[in-house]
Protein backbone atom coordinates (compact mmCIF):
# COMPACT_ATOMS: atom_id res chain seq x y z
CA UNK A 1 -15.34 -23.65 -0.41
CA UNK A 2 -16.38 -21.96 -3.62
CA UNK A 3 -17.17 -24.02 -6.70
CA UNK A 4 -14.49 -22.19 -8.73
CA UNK A 5 -11.83 -23.08 -6.21
CA UNK A 6 -12.88 -26.71 -5.94
CA UNK A 7 -13.04 -27.24 -9.71
CA UNK A 8 -9.72 -25.52 -10.36
CA UNK A 9 -7.99 -27.58 -7.68
CA UNK A 10 -7.41 -24.67 -5.32
CA UNK A 11 -7.79 -25.14 -1.59
CA UNK A 12 -8.64 -21.50 -0.83
CA UNK A 13 -11.59 -19.39 -1.97
CA UNK A 14 -11.19 -17.24 -5.05
CA UNK A 15 -11.33 -14.03 -2.97
CA UNK A 16 -8.33 -15.10 -0.88
CA UNK A 17 -6.25 -15.91 -3.95
CA UNK A 18 -7.25 -12.71 -5.75
CA UNK A 19 -6.51 -10.62 -2.66
CA UNK A 20 -3.04 -12.11 -2.23
CA UNK A 21 -2.19 -11.62 -5.90
CA UNK A 22 -3.53 -8.05 -5.78
CA UNK A 23 -1.40 -7.19 -2.72
CA UNK A 24 1.69 -8.63 -4.38
CA UNK A 25 1.22 -6.97 -7.76
CA UNK A 26 -0.25 -3.62 -6.74
CA UNK A 27 1.88 -2.83 -3.71
CA UNK A 28 5.02 -4.77 -4.61
CA UNK A 29 5.00 -6.64 -1.32
CA UNK A 30 7.38 -9.56 -0.81
CA UNK A 31 5.78 -12.96 -0.37
CA UNK A 32 6.63 -12.96 3.34
CA UNK A 33 4.57 -9.78 3.85
CA UNK A 34 1.66 -11.23 1.90
CA UNK A 35 1.91 -14.34 4.11
CA UNK A 36 1.69 -12.14 7.21
CA UNK A 37 -1.31 -10.23 5.85
CA UNK A 38 -3.12 -13.47 5.10
CA UNK A 39 -2.18 -14.85 8.53
CA UNK A 40 -3.76 -11.76 10.06
CA UNK A 41 -6.99 -12.80 8.33
CA UNK A 42 -6.70 -16.38 9.59
CA UNK A 43 -5.30 -17.92 6.39
CA UNK A 44 -2.09 -19.95 6.71
CA UNK A 45 -0.26 -20.19 3.41
CA UNK A 46 3.32 -20.64 2.22
CA UNK A 47 5.28 -18.22 0.02
CA UNK A 48 5.66 -20.89 -2.66
CA UNK A 49 1.88 -21.17 -2.88
CA UNK A 50 1.56 -17.39 -3.27
CA UNK A 51 4.20 -17.53 -6.01
CA UNK A 52 2.15 -20.15 -7.89
CA UNK A 53 -0.98 -18.02 -7.53
CA UNK A 54 0.85 -14.95 -8.83
CA UNK A 55 2.29 -16.84 -11.81
CA UNK A 56 -1.11 -18.31 -12.73
CA UNK A 57 -3.25 -15.23 -12.11
CA UNK A 58 -0.81 -12.67 -13.51
CA UNK A 59 -0.70 -14.56 -16.80
CA UNK A 60 -4.50 -14.53 -16.99
CA UNK A 61 -4.63 -10.81 -16.11
CA UNK A 62 -1.95 -10.01 -18.69
CA UNK A 63 -3.99 -11.77 -21.38
CA UNK A 64 -7.15 -9.85 -20.50
CA UNK A 65 -5.27 -6.55 -20.38
CA UNK A 66 -3.72 -7.04 -23.81
CA UNK A 67 -7.13 -7.87 -25.30
CA UNK A 68 -8.53 -4.71 -23.74
CA UNK A 69 -5.73 -2.59 -25.22
CA UNK A 70 -6.29 -4.10 -28.65
CA UNK A 71 -10.03 -3.55 -28.34
CA UNK A 72 -9.72 0.09 -27.31
CA UNK A 73 -6.84 1.11 -29.57
CA UNK A 74 -7.72 4.26 -31.42
CA UNK A 75 -10.95 4.86 -29.52
CA UNK A 76 -9.72 6.72 -26.47
CA UNK A 77 -8.63 10.31 -26.99
CA UNK A 78 -6.55 11.64 -24.13
CA UNK A 79 -6.40 15.42 -23.87
CA UNK A 80 -8.80 16.08 -26.71
């Protein structure tokens, strides 16, 4: 188990959690499909757990994305 996962109270490695959240957010998969994908990789997890991961990680990603937009505002010229 990774140190990040153990300290944060997560049972699964960071890569598993990030992969599940990525599949859900990027491809718009329902939790049941994400469960099946993880099961195909030998990870048994419930849809409620995936929902908690998405809620936690999406909030963190949203915060980073908004800081990036604020940081880059006015610096990127598209079509110039």
